[in-house]
Amino acid sequence: MNHSFSVGLVLLAAFVGANLPFINNRWIAVIPRSAPKSLWMRAGELVVCYFLVGGLGLALEQSAGQIYPQGWEFYATTGALFLTLAFPGFVFRYLMKHKR
């Protein structure tokens, strides 16, 4: 697997993982819920998805070679990117009108 494919895979996983809490009512798209999730539950699920995507990125970096140590700047930037990628799902869930 080449480097550009790994980067594309992580970006695609980040986009899907960031929007996953907003497009369904299941916990991590696996465990069904009878009641709709609150915004705080979706935010918690967003944090869990951030770490899952980060783990995927870490595994891909390990398979490509040695893992480079990161500082707080890296995590602040990737967290902001993850929240930016979650914006379409947030708009779909909370700002668009849905027929009931």
C-alpha atoms as a PDB file:
ATOM      1  CA  MET A   1       0.000   0.000   0.000  1.00  0.00           C
ATOM      2  CA  ASN A   2       1.536   3.304  -1.038  1.00  0.00           C
ATOM      3  CA  HIS A   3       1.614   6.495   1.003  1.00  0.00           C
ATOM      4  CA  SER A   4      -0.992   8.465  -0.965  1.00  0.00           C
ATOM      5  CA  PHE A   5      -3.520   5.617  -0.686  1.00  0.00           C
ATOM      6  CA  SER A   6      -3.014   5.532   3.104  1.00  0.00           C
ATOM      7  CA  VAL A   7      -3.581   9.290   3.350  1.00  0.00           C
ATOM      8  CA  GLY A   8      -6.728   9.068   1.241  1.00  0.00           C
ATOM      9  CA  LEU A   9      -8.005   6.165   3.318  1.00  0.00           C
ATOM     10  CA  VAL A  10      -7.507   8.078   6.577  1.00  0.00           C
ATOM     11  CA  LEU A  11      -9.226  11.184   5.169  1.00  0.00           C
ATOM     12  CA  LEU A  12     -12.185   9.113   3.947  1.00  0.00           C
ATOM     13  CA  ALA A  13     -12.415   7.336   7.305  1.00  0.00           C
ATOM     14  CA  ALA A  14     -12.279  10.716   9.074  1.00  0.00           C
ATOM     15  CA  PHE A  15     -15.123  12.088   6.949  1.00  0.00           C
ATOM     16  CA  VAL A  16     -17.290   9.021   7.520  1.00  0.00           C
ATOM     17  CA  GLY A  17     -16.410   8.824  11.220  1.00  0.00           C
ATOM     18  CA  ALA A  18     -17.108  12.515  11.780  1.00  0.00           C
ATOM     19  CA  ASN A  19     -20.569  12.309  10.195  1.00  0.00           C
ATOM     20  CA  LEU A  20     -21.525   8.902  11.592  1.00  0.00           C
ATOM     21  CA  PRO A  21     -22.957  10.200  14.901  1.00  0.00           C
ATOM     22  CA  PHE A  22     -25.303  12.555  13.062  1.00  0.00           C
ATOM     23  CA  ILE A  23     -26.725  10.287  10.361  1.00  0.00           C
ATOM     24  CA  ASN A  24     -28.120   7.465  12.519  1.00  0.00           C
ATOM     25  CA  ASN A  25     -29.491   6.768  15.987  1.00  0.00           C
ATOM     26  CA  ARG A  26     -27.335   3.718  16.674  1.00  0.00           C
ATOM     27  CA  TRP A  27     -24.336   3.922  18.994  1.00  0.00           C
ATOM     28  CA  ILE A  28     -21.223   3.767  16.732  1.00  0.00           C
ATOM     29  CA  ALA A  29     -23.618   2.547  13.985  1.00  0.00           C
ATOM     30  CA  VAL A  30     -23.812  -0.881  15.680  1.00  0.00           C
ATOM     31  CA  ILE A  31     -25.800  -0.863  18.937  1.00  0.00           C
ATOM     32  CA  PRO A  32     -29.483   0.022  18.392  1.00  0.00           C
ATOM     33  CA  ARG A  33     -31.230   2.578  20.600  1.00  0.00           C
ATOM     34  CA  SER A  34     -34.959   2.960  21.157  1.00  0.00           C
ATOM     35  CA  ALA A  35     -34.838   6.692  21.936  1.00  0.00           C
ATOM     36  CA  PRO A  36     -33.101   9.335  19.797  1.00  0.00           C
ATOM     37  CA  LYS A  37     -29.616  10.380  20.866  1.00  0.00           C
ATOM     38  CA  SER A  38     -29.129  13.779  22.459  1.00  0.00           C
ATOM     39  CA  LEU A  39     -26.556  16.272  21.251  1.00  0.00           C
ATOM     40  CA  TRP A  40     -24.258  15.341  24.152  1.00  0.00           C
ATOM     41  CA  MET A  41     -24.411  11.664  23.229  1.00  0.00           C
ATOM     42  CA  ARG A  42     -23.544  12.548  19.641  1.00  0.00           C
ATOM     43  CA  ALA A  43     -20.628  14.688  20.845  1.00  0.00           C
ATOM     44  CA  GLY A  44     -19.343  11.804  22.961  1.00  0.00           C
ATOM     45  CA  GLU A  45     -19.660   9.467  20.009  1.00  0.00           C
ATOM     46  CA  LEU A  46     -17.771  12.020  17.913  1.00  0.00           C
ATOM     47  CA  VAL A  47     -14.867  11.853  20.386  1.00  0.00           C
ATOM     48  CA  VAL A  48     -14.891   8.038  20.263  1.00  0.00           C
ATOM     49  CA  CYS A  49     -14.868   8.135  16.446  1.00  0.00           C
ATOM     50  CA  TYR A  50     -11.950  10.608  16.536  1.00  0.00           C
ATOM     51  CA  PHE A  51      -9.880   8.128  18.524  1.00  0.00           C
ATOM     52  CA  LEU A  52     -10.914   5.216  16.278  1.00  0.00           C
ATOM     53  CA  VAL A  53      -9.830   7.115  13.159  1.00  0.00           C
ATOM     54  CA  GLY A  54      -6.641   8.144  14.956  1.00  0.00           C
ATOM     55  CA  GLY A  55      -5.957   4.495  15.726  1.00  0.00           C
ATOM     56  CA  LEU A  56      -6.406   3.639  12.053  1.00  0.00           C
ATOM     57  CA  GLY A  57      -3.968   6.388  11.102  1.00  0.00           C
ATOM     58  CA  LEU A  58      -1.490   5.170  13.701  1.00  0.00           C
ATOM     59  CA  ALA A  59      -1.725   1.604  12.394  1.00  0.00           C
ATOM     60  CA  LEU A  60      -1.188   2.735   8.807  1.00  0.00           C
ATOM     61  CA  GLU A  61       1.794   4.850   9.866  1.00  0.00           C
ATOM     62  CA  GLN A  62       3.256   1.893  11.752  1.00  0.00           C
ATOM     63  CA  SER A  63       2.883  -0.336   8.686  1.00  0.00           C
ATOM     64  CA  ALA A  64       4.714   2.266   6.568  1.00  0.00           C
ATOM     65  CA  GLY A  65       7.643   2.562   8.984  1.00  0.00           C
ATOM     66  CA  GLN A  66       8.513   4.164  12.284  1.00  0.00           C
ATOM     67  CA  ILE A  67       5.863   6.263  14.049  1.00  0.00           C
ATOM     68  CA  TYR A  68       6.826   9.919  14.304  1.00  0.00           C
ATOM     69  CA  PRO A  69       6.207  11.433  17.803  1.00  0.00           C
ATOM     70  CA  GLN A  70       3.568  14.200  17.794  1.00  0.00           C
ATOM     71  CA  GLY A  71       3.089  17.240  19.998  1.00  0.00           C
ATOM     72  CA  TRP A  72      -0.069  18.964  21.171  1.00  0.00           C
ATOM     73  CA  GLU A  73      -0.199  21.019  17.968  1.00  0.00           C
ATOM     74  CA  PHE A  74      -0.857  17.876  15.915  1.00  0.00           C
ATOM     75  CA  TYR A  75      -3.807  16.845  18.090  1.00  0.00           C
ATOM     76  CA  ALA A  76      -5.269  20.365  18.122  1.00  0.00           C
ATOM     77  CA  THR A  77      -5.090  20.504  14.324  1.00  0.00           C
ATOM     78  CA  THR A  78      -6.547  17.041  13.745  1.00  0.00           C
ATOM     79  CA  GLY A  79      -9.329  17.710  16.270  1.00  0.00           C
ATOM     80  CA  ALA A  80     -10.239  20.939  14.468  1.00  0.00           C
ATOM     81  CA  LEU A  81     -10.155  19.102  11.131  1.00  0.00           C
ATOM     82  CA  PHE A  82     -12.399  16.362  12.529  1.00  0.00           C
ATOM     83  CA  LEU A  83     -14.930  18.936  13.772  1.00  0.00           C
ATOM     84  CA  THR A  84     -14.832  20.654  10.380  1.00  0.00           C
ATOM     85  CA  LEU A  85     -15.506  17.352   8.637  1.00  0.00           C
ATOM     86  CA  ALA A  86     -18.485  16.792  10.982  1.00  0.00           C
ATOM     87  CA  PHE A  87     -20.202  19.983   9.835  1.00  0.00           C
ATOM     88  CA  PRO A  88     -22.271  18.409   6.989  1.00  0.00           C
ATOM     89  CA  GLY A  89     -23.727  15.808   9.360  1.00  0.00           C
ATOM     90  CA  PHE A  90     -24.512  18.465  11.976  1.00  0.00           C
ATOM     91  CA  VAL A  91     -26.276  20.593   9.356  1.00  0.00           C
ATOM     92  CA  PHE A  92     -28.255  17.571   8.149  1.00  0.00           C
ATOM     93  CA  ARG A  93     -29.346  16.592  11.666  1.00  0.00           C
ATOM     94  CA  TYR A  94     -30.034  19.944  13.324  1.00  0.00           C
ATOM     95  CA  LEU A  95     -30.373  22.715  10.740  1.00  0.00           C
ATOM     96  CA  MET A  96     -32.302  21.125   7.855  1.00  0.00           C
ATOM     97  CA  LYS A  97     -36.050  20.696   7.947  1.00  0.00           C
ATOM     98  CA  HIS A  98     -37.178  17.070   7.713  1.00  0.00           C
ATOM     99  CA  LYS A  99     -40.633  15.818   6.792  1.00  0.00           C
ATOM    100  CA  ARG A 100     -42.215  13.947   9.661  1.00  0.00           C
END
